[in-house]
Amino acid sequence: DRTVVGIEDDVLDLDAVGDTDVVLS
């Protein structure tokens, strides 16, 4: 419907992302 029920991230440049958390669930 209009609700976020899941998030998943593909990290393609780890250096650019840095040390922050990503959502891999």
PDB file of all heavy atoms in Angstrom:
ATOM      1  N   ASP A   1       0.866  -1.179   0.000  1.00  0.00           N
ATOM      2  CA  ASP A   1       0.000   0.000   0.000  1.00  0.00           C
ATOM      3  C   ASP A   1       0.912   1.241   0.000  1.00  0.00           C
ATOM      4  O   ASP A   1       1.726   1.381  -0.897  1.00  0.00           O
ATOM      5  CB  ASP A   1      -0.957  -0.027   1.185  1.00  0.00           C
ATOM      6  CG  ASP A   1      -1.902  -1.228   1.130  1.00  0.00           C
ATOM      7  OD1 ASP A   1      -2.277  -1.618   0.003  1.00  0.00           O
ATOM      8  OD2 ASP A   1      -2.240  -1.774   2.187  1.00  0.00           O
ATOM      9  N   ARG A   2       0.845   2.076   1.031  1.00  0.00           N
ATOM     10  CA  ARG A   2       1.693   3.265   1.058  1.00  0.00           C
ATOM     11  C   ARG A   2       2.681   3.227   2.220  1.00  0.00           C
ATOM     12  O   ARG A   2       3.095   4.268   2.730  1.00  0.00           O
ATOM     13  CB  ARG A   2       0.828   4.527   1.143  1.00  0.00           C
ATOM     14  CG  ARG A   2      -0.058   4.744  -0.074  1.00  0.00           C
ATOM     15  CD  ARG A   2      -0.758   6.076  -0.041  1.00  0.00           C
ATOM     16  NE  ARG A   2      -1.417   6.359  -1.320  1.00  0.00           N
ATOM     17  CZ  ARG A   2      -1.859   7.540  -1.708  1.00  0.00           C
ATOM     18  NH1 ARG A   2      -1.704   8.591  -0.907  1.00  0.00           N
ATOM     19  NH2 ARG A   2      -2.459   7.708  -2.868  1.00  0.00           N
ATOM     20  N   THR A   3       3.087   2.024   2.586  1.00  0.00           N
ATOM     21  CA  THR A   3       3.956   1.854   3.748  1.00  0.00           C
ATOM     22  C   THR A   3       5.232   1.131   3.346  1.00  0.00           C
ATOM     23  O   THR A   3       5.189   0.137   2.614  1.00  0.00           O
ATOM     24  CB  THR A   3       3.234   1.040   4.838  1.00  0.00           C
ATOM     25  OG1 THR A   3       2.017   1.698   5.186  1.00  0.00           O
ATOM     26  CG2 THR A   3       4.110   0.887   6.070  1.00  0.00           C
ATOM     27  N   VAL A   4       6.356   1.618   3.840  1.00  0.00           N
ATOM     28  CA  VAL A   4       7.639   0.935   3.630  1.00  0.00           C
ATOM     29  C   VAL A   4       7.688  -0.282   4.546  1.00  0.00           C
ATOM     30  O   VAL A   4       7.557  -0.153   5.772  1.00  0.00           O
ATOM     31  CB  VAL A   4       8.822   1.873   3.938  1.00  0.00           C
ATOM     32  CG1 VAL A   4      10.145   1.112   3.801  1.00  0.00           C
ATOM     33  CG2 VAL A   4       8.795   3.080   3.011  1.00  0.00           C
ATOM     34  N   VAL A   5       7.860  -1.470   3.969  1.00  0.00           N
ATOM     35  CA  VAL A   5       7.903  -2.698   4.765  1.00  0.00           C
ATOM     36  C   VAL A   5       9.268  -3.373   4.717  1.00  0.00           C
ATOM     37  O   VAL A   5       9.513  -4.323   5.461  1.00  0.00           O
ATOM     38  CB  VAL A   5       6.812  -3.693   4.309  1.00  0.00           C
ATOM     39  CG1 VAL A   5       5.425  -3.111   4.536  1.00  0.00           C
ATOM     40  CG2 VAL A   5       6.997  -4.080   2.841  1.00  0.00           C
ATOM     41  N   GLY A   6      10.148  -2.901   3.857  1.00  0.00           N
ATOM     42  CA  GLY A   6      11.466  -3.511   3.787  1.00  0.00           C
ATOM     43  C   GLY A   6      12.446  -2.632   3.049  1.00  0.00           C
ATOM     44  O   GLY A   6      12.081  -1.900   2.113  1.00  0.00           O
ATOM     45  N   ILE A   7      13.690  -2.671   3.485  1.00  0.00           N
ATOM     46  CA  ILE A   7      14.761  -1.894   2.857  1.00  0.00           C
ATOM     47  C   ILE A   7      15.978  -2.792   2.729  1.00  0.00           C
ATOM     48  O   ILE A   7      16.326  -3.529   3.653  1.00  0.00           O
ATOM     49  CB  ILE A   7      15.125  -0.652   3.695  1.00  0.00           C
ATOM     50  CG1 ILE A   7      13.913   0.289   3.820  1.00  0.00           C
ATOM     51  CG2 ILE A   7      16.309   0.089   3.074  1.00  0.00           C
ATOM     52  CD1 ILE A   7      14.151   1.440   4.786  1.00  0.00           C
ATOM     53  N   GLU A   8      16.613  -2.742   1.564  1.00  0.00           N
ATOM     54  CA  GLU A   8      17.855  -3.486   1.377  1.00  0.00           C
ATOM     55  C   GLU A   8      18.819  -2.654   0.552  1.00  0.00           C
ATOM     56  O   GLU A   8      18.420  -2.026  -0.437  1.00  0.00           O
ATOM     57  CB  GLU A   8      17.589  -4.817   0.666  1.00  0.00           C
ATOM     58  CG  GLU A   8      18.867  -5.626   0.454  1.00  0.00           C
ATOM     59  CD  GLU A   8      18.599  -6.931  -0.265  1.00  0.00           C
ATOM     60  OE1 GLU A   8      17.480  -7.439  -0.132  1.00  0.00           O
ATOM     61  OE2 GLU A   8      19.503  -7.405  -0.947  1.00  0.00           O
ATOM     62  N   ASP A   9      20.083  -2.638   0.954  1.00  0.00           N
ATOM     63  CA  ASP A   9      21.089  -1.827   0.275  1.00  0.00           C
ATOM     64  C   ASP A   9      22.127  -2.697  -0.414  1.00  0.00           C
ATOM     65  O   ASP A   9      22.585  -3.700   0.136  1.00  0.00           O
ATOM     66  CB  ASP A   9      21.808  -0.914   1.274  1.00  0.00           C
ATOM     67  CG  ASP A   9      20.903   0.174   1.818  1.00  0.00           C
ATOM     68  OD1 ASP A   9      19.943   0.526   1.103  1.00  0.00           O
ATOM     69  OD2 ASP A   9      21.150   0.652   2.938  1.00  0.00           O
ATOM     70  N   ASP A  10      22.483  -2.296  -1.636  1.00  0.00           N
ATOM     71  CA  ASP A  10      23.646  -2.842  -2.333  1.00  0.00           C
ATOM     72  C   ASP A  10      24.738  -1.778  -2.284  1.00  0.00           C
ATOM     73  O   ASP A  10      24.592  -0.713  -2.890  1.00  0.00           O
ATOM     74  CB  ASP A  10      23.322  -3.155  -3.799  1.00  0.00           C
ATOM     75  CG  ASP A  10      22.252  -4.216  -3.934  1.00  0.00           C
ATOM     76  OD1 ASP A  10      22.168  -5.076  -3.054  1.00  0.00           O
ATOM     77  OD2 ASP A  10      21.510  -4.174  -4.935  1.00  0.00           O
ATOM     78  N   VAL A  11      25.816  -2.055  -1.570  1.00  0.00           N
ATOM     79  CA  VAL A  11      26.925  -1.105  -1.485  1.00  0.00           C
ATOM     80  C   VAL A  11      27.872  -1.382  -2.644  1.00  0.00           C
ATOM     81  O   VAL A  11      28.458  -2.459  -2.737  1.00  0.00           O
ATOM     82  CB  VAL A  11      27.665  -1.233  -0.146  1.00  0.00           C
ATOM     83  CG1 VAL A  11      28.839  -0.261  -0.109  1.00  0.00           C
ATOM     84  CG2 VAL A  11      26.717  -0.974   1.012  1.00  0.00           C
ATOM     85  N   LEU A  12      28.007  -0.416  -3.531  1.00  0.00           N
ATOM     86  CA  LEU A  12      28.831  -0.605  -4.719  1.00  0.00           C
ATOM     87  C   LEU A  12      30.184   0.088  -4.607  1.00  0.00           C
ATOM     88  O   LEU A  12      31.088  -0.203  -5.385  1.00  0.00           O
ATOM     89  CB  LEU A  12      28.083  -0.090  -5.959  1.00  0.00           C
ATOM     90  CG  LEU A  12      26.703  -0.717  -6.197  1.00  0.00           C
ATOM     91  CD1 LEU A  12      26.117  -0.193  -7.500  1.00  0.00           C
ATOM     92  CD2 LEU A  12      26.785  -2.228  -6.227  1.00  0.00           C
ATOM     93  N   ASP A  13      30.326   1.004  -3.648  1.00  0.00           N
ATOM     94  CA  ASP A  13      31.603   1.693  -3.435  1.00  0.00           C
ATOM     95  C   ASP A  13      31.794   1.851  -1.932  1.00  0.00           C
ATOM     96  O   ASP A  13      31.363   2.838  -1.334  1.00  0.00           O
ATOM     97  CB  ASP A  13      31.589   3.056  -4.135  1.00  0.00           C
ATOM     98  CG  ASP A  13      32.964   3.724  -4.117  1.00  0.00           C
ATOM     99  OD1 ASP A  13      33.800   3.341  -3.264  1.00  0.00           O
ATOM    100  OD2 ASP A  13      33.194   4.631  -4.941  1.00  0.00           O
ATOM    101  N   LEU A  14      32.421   0.856  -1.318  1.00  0.00           N
ATOM    102  CA  LEU A  14      32.547   0.822   0.132  1.00  0.00           C
ATOM    103  C   LEU A  14      33.355   2.000   0.657  1.00  0.00           C
ATOM    104  O   LEU A  14      33.054   2.552   1.717  1.00  0.00           O
ATOM    105  CB  LEU A  14      33.198  -0.498   0.564  1.00  0.00           C
ATOM    106  CG  LEU A  14      33.191  -0.809   2.053  1.00  0.00           C
ATOM    107  CD1 LEU A  14      31.761  -0.841   2.575  1.00  0.00           C
ATOM    108  CD2 LEU A  14      33.907  -2.121   2.331  1.00  0.00           C
ATOM    109  N   ASP A  15      34.375   2.428  -0.091  1.00  0.00           N
ATOM    110  CA  ASP A  15      35.188   3.554   0.357  1.00  0.00           C
ATOM    111  C   ASP A  15      34.366   4.831   0.433  1.00  0.00           C
ATOM    112  O   ASP A  15      34.523   5.645   1.355  1.00  0.00           O
ATOM    113  CB  ASP A  15      36.371   3.768  -0.595  1.00  0.00           C
ATOM    114  CG  ASP A  15      37.368   2.616  -0.514  1.00  0.00           C
ATOM    115  OD1 ASP A  15      37.408   1.956   0.543  1.00  0.00           O
ATOM    116  OD2 ASP A  15      38.085   2.394  -1.510  1.00  0.00           O
ATOM    117  N   ALA A  16      33.479   4.997  -0.516  1.00  0.00           N
ATOM    118  CA  ALA A  16      32.659   6.211  -0.521  1.00  0.00           C
ATOM    119  C   ALA A  16      31.636   6.186   0.597  1.00  0.00           C
ATOM    120  O   ALA A  16      31.301   7.223   1.175  1.00  0.00           O
ATOM    121  CB  ALA A  16      31.965   6.374  -1.875  1.00  0.00           C
ATOM    122  N   VAL A  17      31.121   4.992   0.926  1.00  0.00           N
ATOM    123  CA  VAL A  17      30.140   4.886   1.998  1.00  0.00           C
ATOM    124  C   VAL A  17      30.795   5.137   3.349  1.00  0.00           C
ATOM    125  O   VAL A  17      30.212   5.735   4.249  1.00  0.00           O
ATOM    126  CB  VAL A  17      29.459   3.498   1.975  1.00  0.00           C
ATOM    127  CG1 VAL A  17      28.609   3.295   3.215  1.00  0.00           C
ATOM    128  CG2 VAL A  17      28.622   3.364   0.719  1.00  0.00           C
ATOM    129  N   GLY A  18      31.997   4.657   3.507  1.00  0.00           N
ATOM    130  CA  GLY A  18      32.700   4.863   4.773  1.00  0.00           C
ATOM    131  C   GLY A  18      32.293   3.845   5.818  1.00  0.00           C
ATOM    132  O   GLY A  18      31.948   2.705   5.514  1.00  0.00           O
ATOM    133  N   ASP A  19      32.354   4.252   7.097  1.00  0.00           N
ATOM    134  CA  ASP A  19      32.125   3.328   8.211  1.00  0.00           C
ATOM    135  C   ASP A  19      30.673   3.270   8.670  1.00  0.00           C
ATOM    136  O   ASP A  19      30.356   2.612   9.651  1.00  0.00           O
ATOM    137  CB  ASP A  19      32.993   3.743   9.413  1.00  0.00           C
ATOM    138  CG  ASP A  19      34.476   3.683   9.076  1.00  0.00           C
ATOM    139  OD1 ASP A  19      34.835   2.814   8.250  1.00  0.00           O
ATOM    140  OD2 ASP A  19      35.231   4.487   9.629  1.00  0.00           O
ATOM    141  N   THR A  20      29.794   3.960   8.006  1.00  0.00           N
ATOM    142  CA  THR A  20      28.408   4.005   8.464  1.00  0.00           C
ATOM    143  C   THR A  20      27.692   2.692   8.186  1.00  0.00           C
ATOM    144  O   THR A  20      28.103   1.897   7.347  1.00  0.00           O
ATOM    145  CB  THR A  20      27.664   5.150   7.761  1.00  0.00           C
ATOM    146  OG1 THR A  20      27.804   4.987   6.346  1.00  0.00           O
ATOM    147  CG2 THR A  20      28.221   6.487   8.173  1.00  0.00           C
ATOM    148  N   ASP A  21      26.590   2.478   8.941  1.00  0.00           N
ATOM    149  CA  ASP A  21      25.811   1.248   8.779  1.00  0.00           C
ATOM    150  C   ASP A  21      24.997   1.288   7.493  1.00  0.00           C
ATOM    151  O   ASP A  21      24.567   2.339   7.046  1.00  0.00           O
ATOM    152  CB  ASP A  21      24.839   1.072   9.958  1.00  0.00           C
ATOM    153  CG  ASP A  21      25.577   0.831  11.259  1.00  0.00           C
ATOM    154  OD1 ASP A  21      26.694   0.293  11.195  1.00  0.00           O
ATOM    155  OD2 ASP A  21      25.023   1.188  12.317  1.00  0.00           O
ATOM    156  N   VAL A  22      24.797   0.096   6.948  1.00  0.00           N
ATOM    157  CA  VAL A  22      23.892  -0.048   5.806  1.00  0.00           C
ATOM    158  C   VAL A  22      22.862  -1.100   6.153  1.00  0.00           C
ATOM    159  O   VAL A  22      23.070  -1.934   7.039  1.00  0.00           O
ATOM    160  CB  VAL A  22      24.654  -0.453   4.525  1.00  0.00           C
ATOM    161  CG1 VAL A  22      25.584   0.641   4.093  1.00  0.00           C
ATOM    162  CG2 VAL A  22      25.407  -1.769   4.728  1.00  0.00           C
ATOM    163  N   VAL A  23      21.744  -1.065   5.452  1.00  0.00           N
ATOM    164  CA  VAL A  23      20.643  -1.976   5.739  1.00  0.00           C
ATOM    165  C   VAL A  23      20.757  -3.185   4.829  1.00  0.00           C
ATOM    166  O   VAL A  23      20.551  -3.089   3.627  1.00  0.00           O
ATOM    167  CB  VAL A  23      19.285  -1.270   5.527  1.00  0.00           C
ATOM    168  CG1 VAL A  23      18.139  -2.206   5.868  1.00  0.00           C
ATOM    169  CG2 VAL A  23      19.217  -0.012   6.374  1.00  0.00           C
ATOM    170  N   LEU A  24      21.092  -4.344   5.412  1.00  0.00           N
ATOM    171  CA  LEU A  24      21.285  -5.554   4.614  1.00  0.00           C
ATOM    172  C   LEU A  24      20.325  -6.660   5.021  1.00  0.00           C
ATOM    173  O   LEU A  24      20.522  -7.811   4.676  1.00  0.00           O
ATOM    174  CB  LEU A  24      22.729  -6.059   4.772  1.00  0.00           C
ATOM    175  CG  LEU A  24      23.812  -5.104   4.251  1.00  0.00           C
ATOM    176  CD1 LEU A  24      25.181  -5.632   4.632  1.00  0.00           C
ATOM    177  CD2 LEU A  24      23.706  -4.951   2.743  1.00  0.00           C
ATOM    178  N   SER A  25      19.268  -6.320   5.722  1.00  0.00           N
ATOM    179  CA  SER A  25      18.349  -7.343   6.205  1.00  0.00           C
ATOM    180  C   SER A  25      17.408  -7.799   5.100  1.00  0.00           C
ATOM    181  O   SER A  25      17.250  -7.151   4.085  1.00  0.00           O
ATOM    182  CB  SER A  25      17.520  -6.785   7.366  1.00  0.00           C
ATOM    183  OG  SER A  25      16.770  -5.675   6.913  1.00  0.00           O
TER     184      SER A  25
END
